[in-house]
Amino acid sequence: QVQLVESGGGLMQAGDSLRLSCAASGITFSSYVMGWFRQAPGKEREFVATISWSGGRTYYADSVKGRFTISRDNARKTMYLQMNSLKPEDTAVYYCAARYYSGSSYYTRGDDYAYWGQGTQVTVSS
């Protein structure tokens, strides 16, 4: 049974830093492309960042580029999202997602991912 479990969310102030984690089980983690998405109240889910199976390639949404860093530890079967210089517009439920590697280094569409976590809330106040 595949499980993705996010953790690390919380209530933050603008300008703070926060690190999210996504722990995977039930998959050969190193064979999966991973991604972070978020959904704010009343808005559609949006892509945040993605990382290749090896961790060697990453891609970010323009809205987080330069502030967020995605990484992974294949030995620990865990992916991370380091979020710096948080803004109120970063407030959302953050989801991690996994997709078996099939040729592309990363994927930015939610429909490309097969497995999802339950989400972790990040709230940033001004």
PDB file of N, CA and C in Angstrom:
ATOM      1  N   GLN A   1       0.855  -1.192   0.000  1.00  0.00           N
ATOM      2  CA  GLN A   1       0.000   0.000   0.000  1.00  0.00           C
ATOM      3  C   GLN A   1       0.888   1.237   0.000  1.00  0.00           C
ATOM      4  N   VAL A   2       0.637   2.118  -0.961  1.00  0.00           N
ATOM      5  CA  VAL A   2       1.430   3.330  -1.076  1.00  0.00           C
ATOM      6  C   VAL A   2       0.916   4.376  -0.092  1.00  0.00           C
ATOM      7  N   GLN A   3       1.844   4.966   0.620  1.00  0.00           N
ATOM      8  CA  GLN A   3       1.484   6.056   1.526  1.00  0.00           C
ATOM      9  C   GLN A   3       2.471   7.190   1.382  1.00  0.00           C
ATOM     10  N   LEU A   4       1.939   8.385   1.282  1.00  0.00           N
ATOM     11  CA  LEU A   4       2.732   9.607   1.322  1.00  0.00           C
ATOM     12  C   LEU A   4       2.203  10.430   2.484  1.00  0.00           C
ATOM     13  N   VAL A   5       3.072  10.760   3.399  1.00  0.00           N
ATOM     14  CA  VAL A   5       2.644  11.473   4.597  1.00  0.00           C
ATOM     15  C   VAL A   5       3.434  12.766   4.727  1.00  0.00           C
ATOM     16  N   GLU A   6       2.711  13.882   4.604  1.00  0.00           N
ATOM     17  CA  GLU A   6       3.340  15.188   4.759  1.00  0.00           C
ATOM     18  C   GLU A   6       3.371  15.593   6.226  1.00  0.00           C
ATOM     19  N   SER A   7       4.349  16.387   6.564  1.00  0.00           N
ATOM     20  CA  SER A   7       4.436  16.940   7.915  1.00  0.00           C
ATOM     21  C   SER A   7       5.219  18.244   7.858  1.00  0.00           C
ATOM     22  N   GLY A   8       5.110  19.016   8.942  1.00  0.00           N
ATOM     23  CA  GLY A   8       5.897  20.233   9.050  1.00  0.00           C
ATOM     24  C   GLY A   8       5.125  21.524   8.867  1.00  0.00           C
ATOM     25  N   GLY A   9       3.847  21.428   8.529  1.00  0.00           N
ATOM     26  CA  GLY A   9       3.069  22.643   8.350  1.00  0.00           C
ATOM     27  C   GLY A   9       2.849  23.364   9.666  1.00  0.00           C
ATOM     28  N   GLY A  10       2.356  24.597   9.552  1.00  0.00           N
ATOM     29  CA  GLY A  10       2.099  25.360  10.763  1.00  0.00           C
ATOM     30  C   GLY A  10       1.678  26.773  10.473  1.00  0.00           C
ATOM     31  N   LEU A  11       1.556  27.551  11.553  1.00  0.00           N
ATOM     32  CA  LEU A  11       1.180  28.964  11.475  1.00  0.00           C
ATOM     33  C   LEU A  11       2.456  29.784  11.570  1.00  0.00           C
ATOM     34  N   MET A  12       2.716  30.582  10.550  1.00  0.00           N
ATOM     35  CA  MET A  12       3.960  31.330  10.447  1.00  0.00           C
ATOM     36  C   MET A  12       3.681  32.808  10.230  1.00  0.00           C
ATOM     37  N   GLN A  13       4.720  33.596  10.413  1.00  0.00           N
ATOM     38  CA  GLN A  13       4.676  35.024  10.115  1.00  0.00           C
ATOM     39  C   GLN A  13       5.352  35.262   8.767  1.00  0.00           C
ATOM     40  N   ALA A  14       4.929  36.303   8.088  1.00  0.00           N
ATOM     41  CA  ALA A  14       5.585  36.672   6.839  1.00  0.00           C
ATOM     42  C   ALA A  14       7.082  36.860   7.074  1.00  0.00           C
ATOM     43  N   GLY A  15       7.864  36.276   6.164  1.00  0.00           N
ATOM     44  CA  GLY A  15       9.307  36.339   6.287  1.00  0.00           C
ATOM     45  C   GLY A  15       9.940  35.146   6.972  1.00  0.00           C
ATOM     46  N   ASP A  16       9.123  34.327   7.610  1.00  0.00           N
ATOM     47  CA  ASP A  16       9.633  33.144   8.305  1.00  0.00           C
ATOM     48  C   ASP A  16      10.054  32.064   7.308  1.00  0.00           C
ATOM     49  N   SER A  17      10.700  31.040   7.857  1.00  0.00           N
ATOM     50  CA  SER A  17      11.079  29.855   7.088  1.00  0.00           C
ATOM     51  C   SER A  17      10.402  28.638   7.679  1.00  0.00           C
ATOM     52  N   LEU A  18      10.199  27.646   6.831  1.00  0.00           N
ATOM     53  CA  LEU A  18       9.528  26.418   7.245  1.00  0.00           C
ATOM     54  C   LEU A  18       9.992  25.295   6.328  1.00  0.00           C
ATOM     55  N   ARG A  19      10.123  24.104   6.887  1.00  0.00           N
ATOM     56  CA  ARG A  19      10.482  22.966   6.049  1.00  0.00           C
ATOM     57  C   ARG A  19       9.393  21.905   6.148  1.00  0.00           C
ATOM     58  N   LEU A  20       8.873  21.532   5.006  1.00  0.00           N
ATOM     59  CA  LEU A  20       7.909  20.442   4.929  1.00  0.00           C
ATOM     60  C   LEU A  20       8.638  19.148   4.579  1.00  0.00           C
ATOM     61  N   SER A  21       8.084  18.048   5.058  1.00  0.00           N
ATOM     62  CA  SER A  21       8.614  16.726   4.735  1.00  0.00           C
ATOM     63  C   SER A  21       7.506  15.868   4.147  1.00  0.00           C
ATOM     64  N   CYS A  22       7.900  14.930   3.311  1.00  0.00           N
ATOM     65  CA  CYS A  22       6.967  13.964   2.748  1.00  0.00           C
ATOM     66  C   CYS A  22       7.633  12.599   2.849  1.00  0.00           C
ATOM     67  N   ALA A  23       7.107  11.762   3.723  1.00  0.00           N
ATOM     68  CA  ALA A  23       7.662  10.427   3.918  1.00  0.00           C
ATOM     69  C   ALA A  23       6.870   9.423   3.097  1.00  0.00           C
ATOM     70  N   ALA A  24       7.580   8.622   2.320  1.00  0.00           N
ATOM     71  CA  ALA A  24       6.938   7.660   1.426  1.00  0.00           C
ATOM     72  C   ALA A  24       7.132   6.236   1.918  1.00  0.00           C
ATOM     73  N   SER A  25       6.126   5.426   1.672  1.00  0.00           N
ATOM     74  CA  SER A  25       6.223   3.991   1.948  1.00  0.00           C
ATOM     75  C   SER A  25       5.413   3.252   0.899  1.00  0.00           C
ATOM     76  N   GLY A  26       5.772   1.991   0.683  1.00  0.00           N
ATOM     77  CA  GLY A  26       5.036   1.178  -0.275  1.00  0.00           C
ATOM     78  C   GLY A  26       5.472   1.362  -1.711  1.00  0.00           C
ATOM     79  N   ILE A  27       6.505   2.181  -1.957  1.00  0.00           N
ATOM     80  CA  ILE A  27       7.035   2.382  -3.294  1.00  0.00           C
ATOM     81  C   ILE A  27       8.554   2.307  -3.246  1.00  0.00           C
ATOM     82  N   THR A  28       9.151   2.022  -4.388  1.00  0.00           N
ATOM     83  CA  THR A  28      10.606   2.132  -4.518  1.00  0.00           C
ATOM     84  C   THR A  28      10.900   3.589  -4.763  1.00  0.00           C
ATOM     85  N   PHE A  29      11.109   4.301  -3.691  1.00  0.00           N
ATOM     86  CA  PHE A  29      11.131   5.764  -3.726  1.00  0.00           C
ATOM     87  C   PHE A  29      12.081   6.305  -4.777  1.00  0.00           C
ATOM     88  N   SER A  30      13.229   5.705  -4.925  1.00  0.00           N
ATOM     89  CA  SER A  30      14.233   6.220  -5.854  1.00  0.00           C
ATOM     90  C   SER A  30      13.831   6.059  -7.314  1.00  0.00           C
ATOM     91  N   SER A  31      12.727   5.369  -7.571  1.00  0.00           N
ATOM     92  CA  SER A  31      12.230   5.209  -8.937  1.00  0.00           C
ATOM     93  C   SER A  31      11.121   6.195  -9.272  1.00  0.00           C
ATOM     94  N   TYR A  32      10.844   7.093  -8.346  1.00  0.00           N
ATOM     95  CA  TYR A  32       9.700   7.993  -8.507  1.00  0.00           C
ATOM     96  C   TYR A  32      10.129   9.450  -8.608  1.00  0.00           C
ATOM     97  N   VAL A  33       9.511  10.135  -9.551  1.00  0.00           N
ATOM     98  CA  VAL A  33       9.565  11.589  -9.597  1.00  0.00           C
ATOM     99  C   VAL A  33       8.597  12.100  -8.530  1.00  0.00           C
ATOM    100  N   MET A  34       9.010  13.128  -7.835  1.00  0.00           N
ATOM    101  CA  MET A  34       8.191  13.661  -6.751  1.00  0.00           C
ATOM    102  C   MET A  34       7.853  15.124  -7.006  1.00  0.00           C
ATOM    103  N   GLY A  35       6.739  15.529  -6.417  1.00  0.00           N
ATOM    104  CA  GLY A  35       6.336  16.919  -6.595  1.00  0.00           C
ATOM    105  C   GLY A  35       5.603  17.452  -5.382  1.00  0.00           C
ATOM    106  N   TRP A  36       5.591  18.773  -5.293  1.00  0.00           N
ATOM    107  CA  TRP A  36       4.800  19.483  -4.283  1.00  0.00           C
ATOM    108  C   TRP A  36       3.758  20.335  -5.014  1.00  0.00           C
ATOM    109  N   PHE A  37       2.551  20.283  -4.499  1.00  0.00           N
ATOM    110  CA  PHE A  37       1.465  21.112  -4.994  1.00  0.00           C
ATOM    111  C   PHE A  37       0.827  21.801  -3.794  1.00  0.00           C
ATOM    112  N   ARG A  38       0.023  22.806  -4.061  1.00  0.00           N
ATOM    113  CA  ARG A  38      -0.692  23.468  -2.980  1.00  0.00           C
ATOM    114  C   ARG A  38      -2.060  23.918  -3.451  1.00  0.00           C
ATOM    115  N   GLN A  39      -2.943  24.046  -2.479  1.00  0.00           N
ATOM    116  CA  GLN A  39      -4.285  24.522  -2.784  1.00  0.00           C
ATOM    117  C   GLN A  39      -4.731  25.481  -1.702  1.00  0.00           C
ATOM    118  N   ALA A  40      -4.989  26.706  -2.117  1.00  0.00           N
ATOM    119  CA  ALA A  40      -5.484  27.740  -1.209  1.00  0.00           C
ATOM    120  C   ALA A  40      -7.006  27.696  -1.203  1.00  0.00           C
ATOM    121  N   PRO A  41      -7.631  28.203  -0.150  1.00  0.00           N
ATOM    122  CA  PRO A  41      -9.091  28.203  -0.076  1.00  0.00           C
ATOM    123  C   PRO A  41      -9.704  28.899  -1.276  1.00  0.00           C
ATOM    124  N   GLY A  42     -10.652  28.238  -1.900  1.00  0.00           N
ATOM    125  CA  GLY A  42     -11.355  28.824  -3.026  1.00  0.00           C
ATOM    126  C   GLY A  42     -10.580  28.841  -4.327  1.00  0.00           C
ATOM    127  N   LYS A  43      -9.403  28.240  -4.321  1.00  0.00           N
ATOM    128  CA  LYS A  43      -8.579  28.224  -5.532  1.00  0.00           C
ATOM    129  C   LYS A  43      -8.293  26.803  -5.974  1.00  0.00           C
ATOM    130  N   GLU A  44      -7.879  26.673  -7.217  1.00  0.00           N
ATOM    131  CA  GLU A  44      -7.517  25.361  -7.722  1.00  0.00           C
ATOM    132  C   GLU A  44      -6.135  24.970  -7.216  1.00  0.00           C
ATOM    133  N   ARG A  45      -5.914  23.682  -7.202  1.00  0.00           N
ATOM    134  CA  ARG A  45      -4.588  23.179  -6.857  1.00  0.00           C
ATOM    135  C   ARG A  45      -3.559  23.692  -7.858  1.00  0.00           C
ATOM    136  N   GLU A  46      -2.389  24.058  -7.364  1.00  0.00           N
ATOM    137  CA  GLU A  46      -1.356  24.564  -8.261  1.00  0.00           C
ATOM    138  C   GLU A  46      -0.019  23.887  -7.979  1.00  0.00           C
ATOM    139  N   PHE A  47       0.747  23.791  -9.028  1.00  0.00           N
ATOM    140  CA  PHE A  47       2.081  23.219  -8.949  1.00  0.00           C
ATOM    141  C   PHE A  47       3.014  24.134  -8.175  1.00  0.00           C
ATOM    142  N   VAL A  48       3.878  23.531  -7.353  1.00  0.00           N
ATOM    143  CA  VAL A  48       4.864  24.299  -6.602  1.00  0.00           C
ATOM    144  C   VAL A  48       6.288  23.954  -7.050  1.00  0.00           C
ATOM    145  N   ALA A  49       6.618  22.668  -6.984  1.00  0.00           N
ATOM    146  CA  ALA A  49       7.984  22.248  -7.315  1.00  0.00           C
ATOM    147  C   ALA A  49       7.992  20.759  -7.603  1.00  0.00           C
ATOM    148  N   THR A  50       9.006  20.337  -8.358  1.00  0.00           N
ATOM    149  CA  THR A  50       9.163  18.923  -8.662  1.00  0.00           C
ATOM    150  C   THR A  50      10.641  18.572  -8.690  1.00  0.00           C
ATOM    151  N   ILE A  51      10.927  17.309  -8.453  1.00  0.00           N
ATOM    152  CA  ILE A  51      12.321  16.868  -8.400  1.00  0.00           C
ATOM    153  C   ILE A  51      12.432  15.499  -9.075  1.00  0.00           C
ATOM    154  N   SER A  52      13.506  15.323  -9.821  1.00  0.00           N
ATOM    155  CA  SER A  52      13.722  14.064 -10.524  1.00  0.00           C
ATOM    156  C   SER A  52      14.016  12.935  -9.552  1.00  0.00           C
ATOM    157  N   TRP A  53      14.009  11.709 -10.054  1.00  0.00           N
ATOM    158  CA  TRP A  53      14.194  10.546  -9.197  1.00  0.00           C
ATOM    159  C   TRP A  53      15.525  10.575  -8.469  1.00  0.00           C
ATOM    160  N   SER A  54      16.538  11.129  -9.112  1.00  0.00           N
ATOM    161  CA  SER A  54      17.866  11.174  -8.497  1.00  0.00           C
ATOM    162  C   SER A  54      18.082  12.405  -7.642  1.00  0.00           C
ATOM    163  N   GLY A  55      17.207  13.387  -7.822  1.00  0.00           N
ATOM    164  CA  GLY A  55      17.410  14.662  -7.136  1.00  0.00           C
ATOM    165  C   GLY A  55      18.253  15.637  -7.920  1.00  0.00           C
ATOM    166  N   GLY A  56      18.715  15.212  -9.074  1.00  0.00           N
ATOM    167  CA  GLY A  56      19.617  16.044  -9.842  1.00  0.00           C
ATOM    168  C   GLY A  56      18.957  17.159 -10.616  1.00  0.00           C
ATOM    169  N   ARG A  57      17.676  17.033 -10.829  1.00  0.00           N
ATOM    170  CA  ARG A  57      16.967  18.075 -11.573  1.00  0.00           C
ATOM    171  C   ARG A  57      15.749  18.515 -10.787  1.00  0.00           C
ATOM    172  N   THR A  58      15.535  19.820 -10.770  1.00  0.00           N
ATOM    173  CA  THR A  58      14.395  20.395 -10.082  1.00  0.00           C
ATOM    174  C   THR A  58      13.757  21.458 -10.962  1.00  0.00           C
ATOM    175  N   TYR A  59      12.498  21.753 -10.648  1.00  0.00           N
ATOM    176  CA  TYR A  59      11.784  22.779 -11.402  1.00  0.00           C
ATOM    177  C   TYR A  59      10.771  23.416 -10.463  1.00  0.00           C
ATOM    178  N   TYR A  60      10.623  24.742 -10.587  1.00  0.00           N
ATOM    179  CA  TYR A  60       9.775  25.476  -9.658  1.00  0.00           C
ATOM    180  C   TYR A  60       8.753  26.341 -10.381  1.00  0.00           C
ATOM    181  N   ALA A  61       7.647  26.566  -9.699  1.00  0.00           N
ATOM    182  CA  ALA A  61       6.713  27.583 -10.155  1.00  0.00           C
ATOM    183  C   ALA A  61       7.370  28.943  -9.986  1.00  0.00           C
ATOM    184  N   ASP A  62       7.031  29.855 -10.873  1.00  0.00           N
ATOM    185  CA  ASP A  62       7.630  31.194 -10.797  1.00  0.00           C
ATOM    186  C   ASP A  62       7.357  31.862  -9.459  1.00  0.00           C
ATOM    187  N   SER A  63       6.201  31.563  -8.886  1.00  0.00           N
ATOM    188  CA  SER A  63       5.794  32.227  -7.646  1.00  0.00           C
ATOM    189  C   SER A  63       6.668  31.856  -6.448  1.00  0.00           C
ATOM    190  N   VAL A  64       7.397  30.747  -6.544  1.00  0.00           N
ATOM    191  CA  VAL A  64       8.220  30.308  -5.407  1.00  0.00           C
ATOM    192  C   VAL A  64       9.703  30.249  -5.750  1.00  0.00           C
ATOM    193  N   LYS A  65      10.042  30.456  -6.996  1.00  0.00           N
ATOM    194  CA  LYS A  65      11.435  30.352  -7.434  1.00  0.00           C
ATOM    195  C   LYS A  65      12.299  31.330  -6.662  1.00  0.00           C
ATOM    196  N   GLY A  66      13.406  30.840  -6.142  1.00  0.00           N
ATOM    197  CA  GLY A  66      14.307  31.673  -5.367  1.00  0.00           C
ATOM    198  C   GLY A  66      13.983  31.710  -3.889  1.00  0.00           C
ATOM    199  N   ARG A  67      12.810  31.246  -3.510  1.00  0.00           N
ATOM    200  CA  ARG A  67      12.410  31.219  -2.098  1.00  0.00           C
ATOM    201  C   ARG A  67      12.275  29.798  -1.565  1.00  0.00           C
ATOM    202  N   PHE A  68      11.815  28.888  -2.403  1.00  0.00           N
ATOM    203  CA  PHE A  68      11.598  27.498  -1.998  1.00  0.00           C
ATOM    204  C   PHE A  68      12.669  26.610  -2.621  1.00  0.00           C
ATOM    205  N   THR A  69      13.024  25.550  -1.894  1.00  0.00           N
ATOM    206  CA  THR A  69      13.974  24.568  -2.395  1.00  0.00           C
ATOM    207  C   THR A  69      13.432  23.170  -2.143  1.00  0.00           C
ATOM    208  N   ILE A  70      13.327  22.400  -3.213  1.00  0.00           N
ATOM    209  CA  ILE A  70      12.886  21.019  -3.102  1.00  0.00           C
ATOM    210  C   ILE A  70      14.110  20.116  -3.062  1.00  0.00           C
ATOM    211  N   SER A  71      14.036  19.080  -2.258  1.00  0.00           N
ATOM    212  CA  SER A  71      15.152  18.134  -2.177  1.00  0.00           C
ATOM    213  C   SER A  71      14.589  16.763  -1.770  1.00  0.00           C
ATOM    214  N   ARG A  72      15.434  15.765  -1.843  1.00  0.00           N
ATOM    215  CA  ARG A  72      15.005  14.426  -1.466  1.00  0.00           C
ATOM    216  C   ARG A  72      16.176  13.637  -0.908  1.00  0.00           C
ATOM    217  N   ASP A  73      15.842  12.680  -0.074  1.00  0.00           N
ATOM    218  CA  ASP A  73      16.820  11.757   0.484  1.00  0.00           C
ATOM    219  C   ASP A  73      16.299  10.359   0.176  1.00  0.00           C
ATOM    220  N   ASN A  74      16.832   9.754  -0.850  1.00  0.00           N
ATOM    221  CA  ASN A  74      16.314   8.451  -1.274  1.00  0.00           C
ATOM    222  C   ASN A  74      16.568   7.364  -0.239  1.00  0.00           C
ATOM    223  N   ALA A  75      17.618   7.493   0.523  1.00  0.00           N
ATOM    224  CA  ALA A  75      17.881   6.500   1.563  1.00  0.00           C
ATOM    225  C   ALA A  75      16.818   6.557   2.652  1.00  0.00           C
ATOM    226  N   ARG A  76      16.321   7.733   2.920  1.00  0.00           N
ATOM    227  CA  ARG A  76      15.286   7.912   3.944  1.00  0.00           C
ATOM    228  C   ARG A  76      13.880   7.890   3.355  1.00  0.00           C
ATOM    229  N   LYS A  77      13.785   7.790   2.022  1.00  0.00           N
ATOM    230  CA  LYS A  77      12.472   7.782   1.359  1.00  0.00           C
ATOM    231  C   LYS A  77      11.667   9.021   1.735  1.00  0.00           C
ATOM    232  N   THR A  78      12.330  10.138   1.718  1.00  0.00           N
ATOM    233  CA  THR A  78      11.691  11.375   2.151  1.00  0.00           C
ATOM    234  C   THR A  78      12.031  12.508   1.199  1.00  0.00           C
ATOM    235  N   MET A  79      11.033  13.341   0.940  1.00  0.00           N
ATOM    236  CA  MET A  79      11.214  14.547   0.143  1.00  0.00           C
ATOM    237  C   MET A  79      10.976  15.746   1.049  1.00  0.00           C
ATOM    238  N   TYR A  80      11.614  16.855   0.697  1.00  0.00           N
ATOM    239  CA  TYR A  80      11.502  18.046   1.519  1.00  0.00           C
ATOM    240  C   TYR A  80      11.150  19.257   0.669  1.00  0.00           C
ATOM    241  N   LEU A  81      10.576  20.242   1.340  1.00  0.00           N
ATOM    242  CA  LEU A  81      10.371  21.546   0.718  1.00  0.00           C
ATOM    243  C   LEU A  81      10.786  22.596   1.736  1.00  0.00           C
ATOM    244  N   GLN A  82      11.917  23.210   1.497  1.00  0.00           N
ATOM    245  CA  GLN A  82      12.390  24.297   2.343  1.00  0.00           C
ATOM    246  C   GLN A  82      11.773  25.580   1.822  1.00  0.00           C
ATOM    247  N   MET A  83      11.022  26.242   2.676  1.00  0.00           N
ATOM    248  CA  MET A  83      10.315  27.452   2.279  1.00  0.00           C
ATOM    249  C   MET A  83      10.875  28.627   3.067  1.00  0.00           C
ATOM    250  N   ASN A  84      11.466  29.566   2.374  1.00  0.00           N
ATOM    251  CA  ASN A  84      12.023  30.761   3.004  1.00  0.00           C
ATOM    252  C   ASN A  84      11.243  31.991   2.565  1.00  0.00           C
ATOM    253  N   SER A  85      11.404  33.060   3.303  1.00  0.00           N
ATOM    254  CA  SER A  85      10.747  34.329   2.972  1.00  0.00           C
ATOM    255  C   SER A  85       9.269  34.117   2.689  1.00  0.00           C
ATOM    256  N   LEU A  86       8.603  33.440   3.592  1.00  0.00           N
ATOM    257  CA  LEU A  86       7.202  33.127   3.392  1.00  0.00           C
ATOM    258  C   LEU A  86       6.355  34.385   3.271  1.00  0.00           C
ATOM    259  N   LYS A  87       5.335  34.284   2.434  1.00  0.00           N
ATOM    260  CA  LYS A  87       4.409  35.387   2.201  1.00  0.00           C
ATOM    261  C   LYS A  87       2.985  34.919   2.529  1.00  0.00           C
ATOM    262  N   PRO A  88       2.100  35.849   2.837  1.00  0.00           N
ATOM    263  CA  PRO A  88       0.706  35.434   3.102  1.00  0.00           C
ATOM    264  C   PRO A  88       0.102  34.657   1.944  1.00  0.00           C
ATOM    265  N   GLU A  89       0.518  34.978   0.722  1.00  0.00           N
ATOM    266  CA  GLU A  89      -0.039  34.258  -0.439  1.00  0.00           C
ATOM    267  C   GLU A  89       0.474  32.822  -0.550  1.00  0.00           C
ATOM    268  N   ASP A  90       1.387  32.439   0.303  1.00  0.00           N
ATOM    269  CA  ASP A  90       1.816  31.041   0.350  1.00  0.00           C
ATOM    270  C   ASP A  90       0.878  30.188   1.207  1.00  0.00           C
ATOM    271  N   THR A  91      -0.086  30.822   1.837  1.00  0.00           N
ATOM    272  CA  THR A  91      -1.039  30.095   2.664  1.00  0.00           C
ATOM    273  C   THR A  91      -1.828  29.106   1.820  1.00  0.00           C
ATOM    274  N   ALA A  92      -1.781  27.848   2.206  1.00  0.00           N
ATOM    275  CA  ALA A  92      -2.440  26.784   1.439  1.00  0.00           C
ATOM    276  C   ALA A  92      -2.248  25.463   2.159  1.00  0.00           C
ATOM    277  N   VAL A  93      -2.971  24.468   1.684  1.00  0.00           N
ATOM    278  CA  VAL A  93      -2.663  23.086   2.044  1.00  0.00           C
ATOM    279  C   VAL A  93      -1.638  22.587   1.032  1.00  0.00           C
ATOM    280  N   TYR A  94      -0.556  22.053   1.535  1.00  0.00           N
ATOM    281  CA  TYR A  94       0.527  21.572   0.673  1.00  0.00           C
ATOM    282  C   TYR A  94       0.472  20.050   0.581  1.00  0.00           C
ATOM    283  N   TYR A  95       0.526  19.564  -0.651  1.00  0.00           N
ATOM    284  CA  TYR A  95       0.441  18.144  -0.916  1.00  0.00           C
ATOM    285  C   TYR A  95       1.715  17.656  -1.604  1.00  0.00           C
ATOM    286  N   CYS A  96       2.153  16.483  -1.225  1.00  0.00           N
ATOM    287  CA  CYS A  96       3.214  15.851  -1.989  1.00  0.00           C
ATOM    288  C   CYS A  96       2.599  14.792  -2.899  1.00  0.00           C
ATOM    289  N   ALA A  97       3.285  14.522  -3.989  1.00  0.00           N
ATOM    290  CA  ALA A  97       2.783  13.598  -4.986  1.00  0.00           C
ATOM    291  C   ALA A  97       3.942  12.803  -5.578  1.00  0.00           C
ATOM    292  N   ALA A  98       3.613  11.596  -6.049  1.00  0.00           N
ATOM    293  CA  ALA A  98       4.632  10.709  -6.598  1.00  0.00           C
ATOM    294  C   ALA A  98       4.178  10.132  -7.921  1.00  0.00           C
ATOM    295  N   ARG A  99       5.160   9.982  -8.816  1.00  0.00           N
ATOM    296  CA  ARG A  99       4.864   9.407 -10.113  1.00  0.00           C
ATOM    297  C   ARG A  99       6.059   8.561 -10.540  1.00  0.00           C
ATOM    298  N   TYR A 100       5.781   7.350 -10.946  1.00  0.00           N
ATOM    299  CA  TYR A 100       6.858   6.462 -11.364  1.00  0.00           C
ATOM    300  C   TYR A 100       7.597   7.079 -12.539  1.00  0.00           C
ATOM    301  N   TYR A 101       8.909   7.042 -12.476  1.00  0.00           N
ATOM    302  CA  TYR A 101       9.721   7.600 -13.544  1.00  0.00           C
ATOM    303  C   TYR A 101       9.465   6.857 -14.848  1.00  0.00           C
ATOM    304  N   SER A 102       9.153   7.624 -15.903  1.00  0.00           N
ATOM    305  CA  SER A 102       8.897   6.984 -17.195  1.00  0.00           C
ATOM    306  C   SER A 102       9.498   7.792 -18.331  1.00  0.00           C
ATOM    307  N   GLY A 103      10.626   8.425 -18.056  1.00  0.00           N
ATOM    308  CA  GLY A 103      11.334   9.099 -19.127  1.00  0.00           C
ATOM    309  C   GLY A 103      11.554  10.578 -18.917  1.00  0.00           C
ATOM    310  N   SER A 104      10.621  11.248 -18.261  1.00  0.00           N
ATOM    311  CA  SER A 104      10.784  12.679 -18.003  1.00  0.00           C
ATOM    312  C   SER A 104      11.412  12.899 -16.641  1.00  0.00           C
ATOM    313  N   SER A 105      12.236  13.915 -16.560  1.00  0.00           N
ATOM    314  CA  SER A 105      12.914  14.200 -15.291  1.00  0.00           C
ATOM    315  C   SER A 105      11.951  14.725 -14.240  1.00  0.00           C
ATOM    316  N   TYR A 106      10.937  15.439 -14.680  1.00  0.00           N
ATOM    317  CA  TYR A 106       9.977  15.974 -13.722  1.00  0.00           C
ATOM    318  C   TYR A 106       8.655  16.260 -14.423  1.00  0.00           C
ATOM    319  N   TYR A 107       7.644  16.464 -13.622  1.00  0.00           N
ATOM    320  CA  TYR A 107       6.292  16.695 -14.113  1.00  0.00           C
ATOM    321  C   TYR A 107       5.682  17.850 -13.343  1.00  0.00           C
ATOM    322  N   THR A 108       4.930  18.689 -14.036  1.00  0.00           N
ATOM    323  CA  THR A 108       4.341  19.857 -13.388  1.00  0.00           C
ATOM    324  C   THR A 108       2.821  19.800 -13.321  1.00  0.00           C
ATOM    325  N   ARG A 109       2.207  18.842 -13.980  1.00  0.00           N
ATOM    326  CA  ARG A 109       0.751  18.726 -13.957  1.00  0.00           C
ATOM    327  C   ARG A 109       0.324  17.731 -12.906  1.00  0.00           C
ATOM    328  N   GLY A 110      -0.695  18.086 -12.148  1.00  0.00           N
ATOM    329  CA  GLY A 110      -1.193  17.178 -11.130  1.00  0.00           C
ATOM    330  C   GLY A 110      -1.668  15.859 -11.696  1.00  0.00           C
ATOM    331  N   ASP A 111      -2.228  15.905 -12.891  1.00  0.00           N
ATOM    332  CA  ASP A 111      -2.747  14.683 -13.523  1.00  0.00           C
ATOM    333  C   ASP A 111      -1.644  13.685 -13.850  1.00  0.00           C
ATOM    334  N   ASP A 112      -0.415  14.125 -13.858  1.00  0.00           N
ATOM    335  CA  ASP A 112       0.703  13.236 -14.141  1.00  0.00           C
ATOM    336  C   ASP A 112       1.095  12.370 -12.949  1.00  0.00           C
ATOM    337  N   TYR A 113       0.576  12.699 -11.787  1.00  0.00           N
ATOM    338  CA  TYR A 113       0.976  12.002 -10.573  1.00  0.00           C
ATOM    339  C   TYR A 113      -0.062  10.965 -10.162  1.00  0.00           C
ATOM    340  N   ALA A 114       0.439   9.821  -9.709  1.00  0.00           N
ATOM    341  CA  ALA A 114      -0.448   8.713  -9.361  1.00  0.00           C
ATOM    342  C   ALA A 114      -0.803   8.675  -7.881  1.00  0.00           C
ATOM    343  N   TYR A 115       0.098   9.147  -7.054  1.00  0.00           N
ATOM    344  CA  TYR A 115      -0.109   9.026  -5.611  1.00  0.00           C
ATOM    345  C   TYR A 115       0.007  10.394  -4.949  1.00  0.00           C
ATOM    346  N   TRP A 116      -0.847  10.572  -3.924  1.00  0.00           N
ATOM    347  CA  TRP A 116      -0.912  11.857  -3.234  1.00  0.00           C
ATOM    348  C   TRP A 116      -0.953  11.644  -1.727  1.00  0.00           C
ATOM    349  N   GLY A 117      -0.396  12.614  -1.015  1.00  0.00           N
ATOM    350  CA  GLY A 117      -0.528  12.619   0.423  1.00  0.00           C
ATOM    351  C   GLY A 117      -1.813  13.299   0.846  1.00  0.00           C
ATOM    352  N   GLN A 118      -2.011  13.383   2.158  1.00  0.00           N
ATOM    353  CA  GLN A 118      -3.251  13.949   2.679  1.00  0.00           C
ATOM    354  C   GLN A 118      -3.163  15.463   2.845  1.00  0.00           C
ATOM    355  N   GLY A 119      -1.958  15.999   2.778  1.00  0.00           N
ATOM    356  CA  GLY A 119      -1.785  17.435   2.853  1.00  0.00           C
ATOM    357  C   GLY A 119      -1.407  17.923   4.237  1.00  0.00           C
ATOM    358  N   THR A 120      -0.718  19.052   4.268  1.00  0.00           N
ATOM    359  CA  THR A 120      -0.374  19.708   5.519  1.00  0.00           C
ATOM    360  C   THR A 120      -0.622  21.207   5.352  1.00  0.00           C
ATOM    361  N   GLN A 121      -1.251  21.800   6.346  1.00  0.00           N
ATOM    362  CA  GLN A 121      -1.655  23.210   6.253  1.00  0.00           C
ATOM    363  C   GLN A 121      -0.483  24.121   6.581  1.00  0.00           C
ATOM    364  N   VAL A 122      -0.291  25.106   5.719  1.00  0.00           N
ATOM    365  CA  VAL A 122       0.667  26.182   5.971  1.00  0.00           C
ATOM    366  C   VAL A 122      -0.109  27.488   5.952  1.00  0.00           C
ATOM    367  N   THR A 123      -0.039  28.216   7.028  1.00  0.00           N
ATOM    368  CA  THR A 123      -0.715  29.502   7.132  1.00  0.00           C
ATOM    369  C   THR A 123       0.322  30.572   7.445  1.00  0.00           C
ATOM    370  N   VAL A 124       0.327  31.615   6.626  1.00  0.00           N
ATOM    371  CA  VAL A 124       1.291  32.696   6.801  1.00  0.00           C
ATOM    372  C   VAL A 124       0.528  33.988   7.049  1.00  0.00           C
ATOM    373  N   SER A 125       0.756  34.562   8.201  1.00  0.00           N
ATOM    374  CA  SER A 125       0.073  35.812   8.533  1.00  0.00           C
ATOM    375  C   SER A 125       1.002  36.996   8.281  1.00  0.00           C
ATOM    376  N   SER A 126       0.381  38.126   8.032  1.00  0.00           N
ATOM    377  CA  SER A 126       1.164  39.331   7.759  1.00  0.00           C
ATOM    378  C   SER A 126       1.415  40.110   9.043  1.00  0.00           C
TER     379      SER A 126
END
